[in-house]
């Protein structure tokens, strides 16, 4: 059975197997992102307040039914007739199924963030455990293509946009910790080239982070690349001068 892949770290991307899922209505995609990110069952009234603020109950429920129908149709068009239906409706609550046929990049980063918080050290791990930790952290760093729902807003739903902004800060912070722990482990393990790649990716996603640039300089020095480290310093100084004076 093909999997439904939801990628919300960066510009939203939804696929069923190899087939992209197309959304005719932006609020259908917004509804999917909200249900997937929040998890569990969400009350219809809560969703209406978020996506159709100011609507009375009748108009709000009509708008939600329309978005739900559009979302269901988009998912069904990308799937085979016999395959799983991912939307759950239970009275006044909506949700998504969970399980091996649903892939969500947020889950990858959340699990790696929990691992990073345990602050694993290379000298405390045997070889198999170290490789496993490195692989999980690396997969999360690679899954972070950009900010949560990058470039996606709803002009007529300010609370949804505020929710998106808050989620962006949350996931950006989790990515920062994963990159910090991953680059440190790679450095401790002698994987200097991998550490440089991780630290460089970190600075791309966090251009104002002193910690990210310091780590990049550290691993560049460890590689014997003094000029590269100095270039990183000058680049960061220029960014700060331009962005924050």
Protein backbone atom coordinates (compact mmCIF):
# COMPACT_ATOMS: atom_id res chain seq x y z
CA UNK A 1 0.00 0.00 0.00
CA UNK A 2 1.31 3.44 -0.92
CA UNK A 3 2.03 5.99 1.80
CA UNK A 4 0.68 9.48 2.28
CA UNK A 5 3.66 11.80 2.76
CA UNK A 6 3.11 15.18 4.40
CA UNK A 7 6.01 17.62 4.30
CA UNK A 8 5.39 20.88 6.12
CA UNK A 9 8.98 21.89 6.96
CA UNK A 10 9.47 24.22 4.04
CA UNK A 11 6.95 24.89 1.31
CA UNK A 12 4.08 22.42 1.91
CA UNK A 13 4.33 19.26 -0.16
CA UNK A 14 1.84 16.39 -0.06
CA UNK A 15 2.27 13.14 -1.98
CA UNK A 16 0.52 9.81 -2.12
CA UNK A 17 3.21 7.39 -3.20
CA UNK A 18 4.89 9.19 -6.09
CA UNK A 19 1.81 11.22 -7.02
CA UNK A 20 1.52 14.81 -5.83
CA UNK A 21 -1.75 15.73 -4.14
CA UNK A 22 -3.27 18.89 -5.63
CA UNK A 23 -5.50 21.19 -3.59
CA UNK A 24 -8.09 23.36 -5.26
CA UNK A 25 -8.72 25.36 -2.07
CA UNK A 26 -6.02 26.81 0.18
CA UNK A 27 -8.15 26.19 3.24
CA UNK A 28 -8.29 22.49 2.43
CA UNK A 29 -4.50 22.42 2.70
CA UNK A 30 -4.63 24.62 5.82
CA UNK A 31 -7.10 22.17 7.38
CA UNK A 32 -4.83 19.22 6.59
CA UNK A 33 -1.78 21.00 8.04
CA UNK A 34 -3.64 21.90 11.21
CA UNK A 35 -5.01 18.40 11.79
CA UNK A 36 -1.65 16.76 11.10
CA UNK A 37 0.35 19.16 13.26
CA UNK A 38 -1.98 19.27 16.25
CA UNK A 39 -2.75 15.54 16.17
CA UNK A 40 -5.63 13.81 17.87
CA UNK A 41 -9.22 14.94 17.32
CA UNK A 42 -10.05 18.63 16.92
CA UNK A 43 -13.50 20.10 17.51
CA UNK A 44 -15.29 21.55 14.50
CA UNK A 45 -16.01 24.76 16.40
CA UNK A 46 -12.30 25.20 17.14
CA UNK A 47 -11.44 24.77 13.45
CA UNK A 48 -14.16 27.18 12.32
CA UNK A 49 -12.92 29.88 14.71
CA UNK A 50 -9.39 29.42 13.35
CA UNK A 51 -10.14 29.31 9.62
CA UNK A 52 -13.39 31.27 9.27
CA UNK A 53 -13.30 33.88 12.03
CA UNK A 54 -16.42 35.94 12.50
CA UNK A 55 -18.67 33.40 10.79
CA UNK A 56 -21.92 32.46 12.44
CA UNK A 57 -22.40 28.78 13.21
CA UNK A 58 -24.40 27.95 10.08
CA UNK A 59 -22.03 29.66 7.64
CA UNK A 60 -18.96 28.37 9.49
CA UNK A 61 -20.13 24.77 9.37
CA UNK A 62 -21.01 25.10 5.69
CA UNK A 63 -17.53 26.47 4.94
CA UNK A 64 -15.91 23.66 6.93
CA UNK A 65 -17.95 21.00 5.11
CA UNK A 66 -16.85 22.48 1.79
CA UNK A 67 -13.15 22.50 2.81
CA UNK A 68 -13.45 18.99 4.19
CA UNK A 69 -15.06 17.77 0.98
CA UNK A 70 -12.31 19.43 -1.08
CA UNK A 71 -9.62 17.86 1.11
CA UNK A 72 -11.20 14.41 0.95
CA UNK A 73 -11.52 14.64 -2.84
CA UNK A 74 -7.88 15.71 -3.24
CA UNK A 75 -6.68 12.76 -1.18
CA UNK A 76 -8.96 10.29 -2.93
CA UNK A 77 -7.90 11.46 -6.40
CA UNK A 78 -4.27 10.66 -5.58
CA UNK A 79 -5.06 7.24 -4.09
CA UNK A 80 -6.26 3.94 -5.47
CA UNK A 81 -9.93 3.13 -4.78
CA UNK A 82 -9.06 0.30 -2.39
CA UNK A 83 -6.55 2.27 -0.36
CA UNK A 84 -6.90 3.75 3.09
CA UNK A 85 -8.93 6.87 3.82
CA UNK A 86 -6.93 9.15 6.07
CA UNK A 87 -9.60 11.57 7.30
CA UNK A 88 -11.53 10.66 10.43
CA UNK A 89 -14.86 12.19 11.31
CA UNK A 90 -16.41 11.34 14.64
CA UNK A 91 -19.44 13.40 15.51
CA UNK A 92 -18.21 16.90 16.24
CA UNK A 93 -14.51 16.04 15.92
CA UNK A 94 -12.10 15.69 13.00
CA UNK A 95 -8.70 14.08 12.76
CA UNK A 96 -6.25 12.04 10.72
CA UNK A 97 -5.47 8.37 10.94
CA UNK A 98 -2.05 7.44 12.27
CA UNK A 99 0.13 4.49 11.42
CA UNK A 100 2.82 3.28 9.04
CA UNK A 101 1.02 4.53 5.93
CA UNK A 102 1.20 8.16 7.04
CA UNK A 103 4.59 9.88 6.92
CA UNK A 104 4.99 13.32 8.48
CA UNK A 105 8.29 15.19 8.48
CA UNK A 106 7.29 16.88 11.75
CA UNK A 107 7.36 13.47 13.45
CA UNK A 108 10.92 12.90 12.20
CA UNK A 109 12.11 16.20 13.63
CA UNK A 110 10.15 15.84 16.88
CA UNK A 111 11.67 12.41 17.57
CA UNK A 112 15.17 13.65 16.76
CA UNK A 113 14.66 16.69 18.97
CA UNK A 114 13.73 14.44 21.90
CA UNK A 115 16.90 12.44 21.22
CA UNK A 116 18.99 15.62 20.99
CA UNK A 117 17.65 16.82 24.35
CA UNK A 118 19.21 13.76 25.96
CA UNK A 119 22.56 15.28 24.90
CA UNK A 120 24.25 12.10 23.63
CA UNK A 121 28.08 12.07 23.66
CA UNK A 122 30.15 10.08 21.21
CA UNK A 123 32.48 8.75 23.92
CA UNK A 124 29.50 7.37 25.89
CA UNK A 125 28.08 5.37 22.96
CA UNK A 126 29.20 2.10 21.42
CA UNK A 127 29.67 2.09 17.66
CA UNK A 128 26.21 0.78 16.80
CA UNK A 129 24.45 3.24 19.10
CA UNK A 130 26.54 6.14 17.82
CA UNK A 131 25.72 5.32 14.20
CA UNK A 132 22.02 5.03 15.06
CA UNK A 133 21.99 8.40 16.83
CA UNK A 134 23.87 10.06 13.98
CA UNK A 135 21.49 8.60 11.40
CA UNK A 136 18.37 9.78 13.23
CA UNK A 137 19.71 13.29 13.79
CA UNK A 138 20.95 13.52 10.20
CA UNK A 139 17.58 12.43 8.80
CA UNK A 140 15.86 15.18 10.79
CA UNK A 141 18.33 17.85 9.70
CA UNK A 142 17.82 16.84 6.08
CA UNK A 143 14.03 16.84 6.52
CA UNK A 144 14.13 20.51 7.49
CA UNK A 145 13.83 22.14 4.05
CA UNK A 146 12.80 25.49 5.52
CA UNK A 147 10.41 27.14 7.94
CA UNK A 148 7.10 25.49 8.80
CA UNK A 149 4.63 26.06 5.91
CA UNK A 150 7.10 28.43 4.31
CA UNK A 151 5.34 31.04 2.19
CA UNK A 152 1.85 29.83 3.18
CA UNK A 153 -0.62 32.27 4.74
CA UNK A 154 -4.37 32.88 4.75
CA UNK A 155 -5.22 36.54 4.28
CA UNK A 156 -8.66 36.22 5.89
CA UNK A 157 -7.72 34.09 8.91
CA UNK A 158 -5.33 36.05 11.18
CA UNK A 159 -5.48 33.51 14.01
CA UNK A 160 -4.36 30.78 11.63
CA UNK A 161 -1.43 32.94 10.53
CA UNK A 162 -0.53 33.56 14.18
CA UNK A 163 -0.65 29.81 14.77
CA UNK A 164 1.65 29.28 11.78
CA UNK A 165 4.10 31.91 13.11
CA UNK A 166 4.19 30.21 16.52
CA UNK A 167 4.75 26.81 14.93
CA UNK A 168 7.57 28.23 12.83
CA UNK A 169 9.37 29.39 15.96
CA UNK A 170 8.85 26.02 17.63
CA UNK A 171 10.16 23.95 14.74
CA UNK A 172 13.01 26.36 14.06
CA UNK A 173 14.14 25.97 17.66
CA UNK A 174 13.96 22.18 17.41
CA UNK A 175 15.99 22.22 14.20
CA UNK A 176 18.63 24.41 15.88
CA UNK A 177 19.10 21.92 18.72
CA UNK A 178 19.25 18.94 16.36
CA UNK A 179 21.92 20.65 14.23
CA UNK A 180 23.89 21.64 17.33
CA UNK A 181 23.93 18.09 18.70
CA UNK A 182 24.52 16.49 15.30
CA UNK A 183 27.48 18.70 14.37
CA UNK A 184 28.97 18.20 17.85
CA UNK A 185 28.66 14.41 17.61
CA UNK A 186 30.15 14.43 14.13
CA UNK A 187 33.07 16.53 15.36
CA UNK A 188 33.62 14.25 18.37
CA UNK A 189 33.51 11.23 16.06
CA UNK A 190 36.11 12.70 13.70
CA UNK A 191 33.59 13.14 10.86
CA UNK A 192 34.81 16.65 10.08
CA UNK A 193 33.42 16.85 6.55
CA UNK A 194 29.98 15.77 7.77
CA UNK A 195 30.18 18.29 10.61
CA UNK A 196 30.96 21.09 8.15
CA UNK A 197 27.95 20.09 6.01
CA UNK A 198 25.66 20.10 9.06
CA UNK A 199 26.96 23.40 10.40
CA UNK A 200 26.68 25.03 6.97
CA UNK A 201 23.08 23.83 6.66
CA UNK A 202 22.44 25.24 10.15
CA UNK A 203 23.74 28.69 9.21
CA UNK A 204 21.59 28.68 6.06
CA UNK A 205 18.43 28.10 8.10
CA UNK A 206 19.53 30.33 11.02
CA UNK A 207 21.49 33.18 9.39
CA UNK A 208 21.39 35.34 12.57
CA UNK A 209 22.52 32.57 14.92
CA UNK A 210 25.91 33.26 16.50
CA UNK A 211 25.97 29.69 17.82
CA UNK A 212 25.56 28.23 14.32
CA UNK A 213 28.33 30.36 12.85
CA UNK A 214 30.62 29.66 15.78
CA UNK A 215 30.15 25.92 15.25
CA UNK A 216 30.86 26.28 11.54
CA UNK A 217 34.08 28.17 12.30
CA UNK A 218 35.03 25.53 14.88
CA UNK A 219 34.70 22.63 12.45
CA UNK A 220 36.42 24.58 9.68
CA UNK A 221 39.39 25.17 11.99
CA UNK A 222 39.33 21.46 12.91
CA UNK A 223 39.61 20.70 9.19
CA UNK A 224 42.60 23.03 8.89
CA UNK A 225 40.58 25.53 6.85
CA UNK A 226 41.62 28.76 8.58
CA UNK A 227 40.66 30.96 5.62
CA UNK A 228 37.21 29.35 5.47
CA UNK A 229 36.65 30.02 9.16
CA UNK A 230 37.68 33.65 8.75
CA UNK A 231 35.37 33.98 5.73
CA UNK A 232 32.52 32.59 7.86
CA UNK A 233 33.30 35.20 10.52
CA UNK A 234 33.32 38.05 8.00
CA UNK A 235 30.11 36.81 6.38
CA UNK A 236 28.35 36.67 9.74
CA UNK A 237 29.61 40.12 10.69
CA UNK A 238 28.25 41.51 7.41
CA UNK A 239 24.88 39.83 7.96
CA UNK A 240 24.60 41.33 11.45
CA UNK A 241 25.60 44.78 10.22
CA UNK A 242 23.02 44.63 7.43
CA UNK A 243 20.16 43.03 9.40
CA UNK A 244 20.48 44.50 12.88
CA UNK A 245 23.00 47.31 12.58
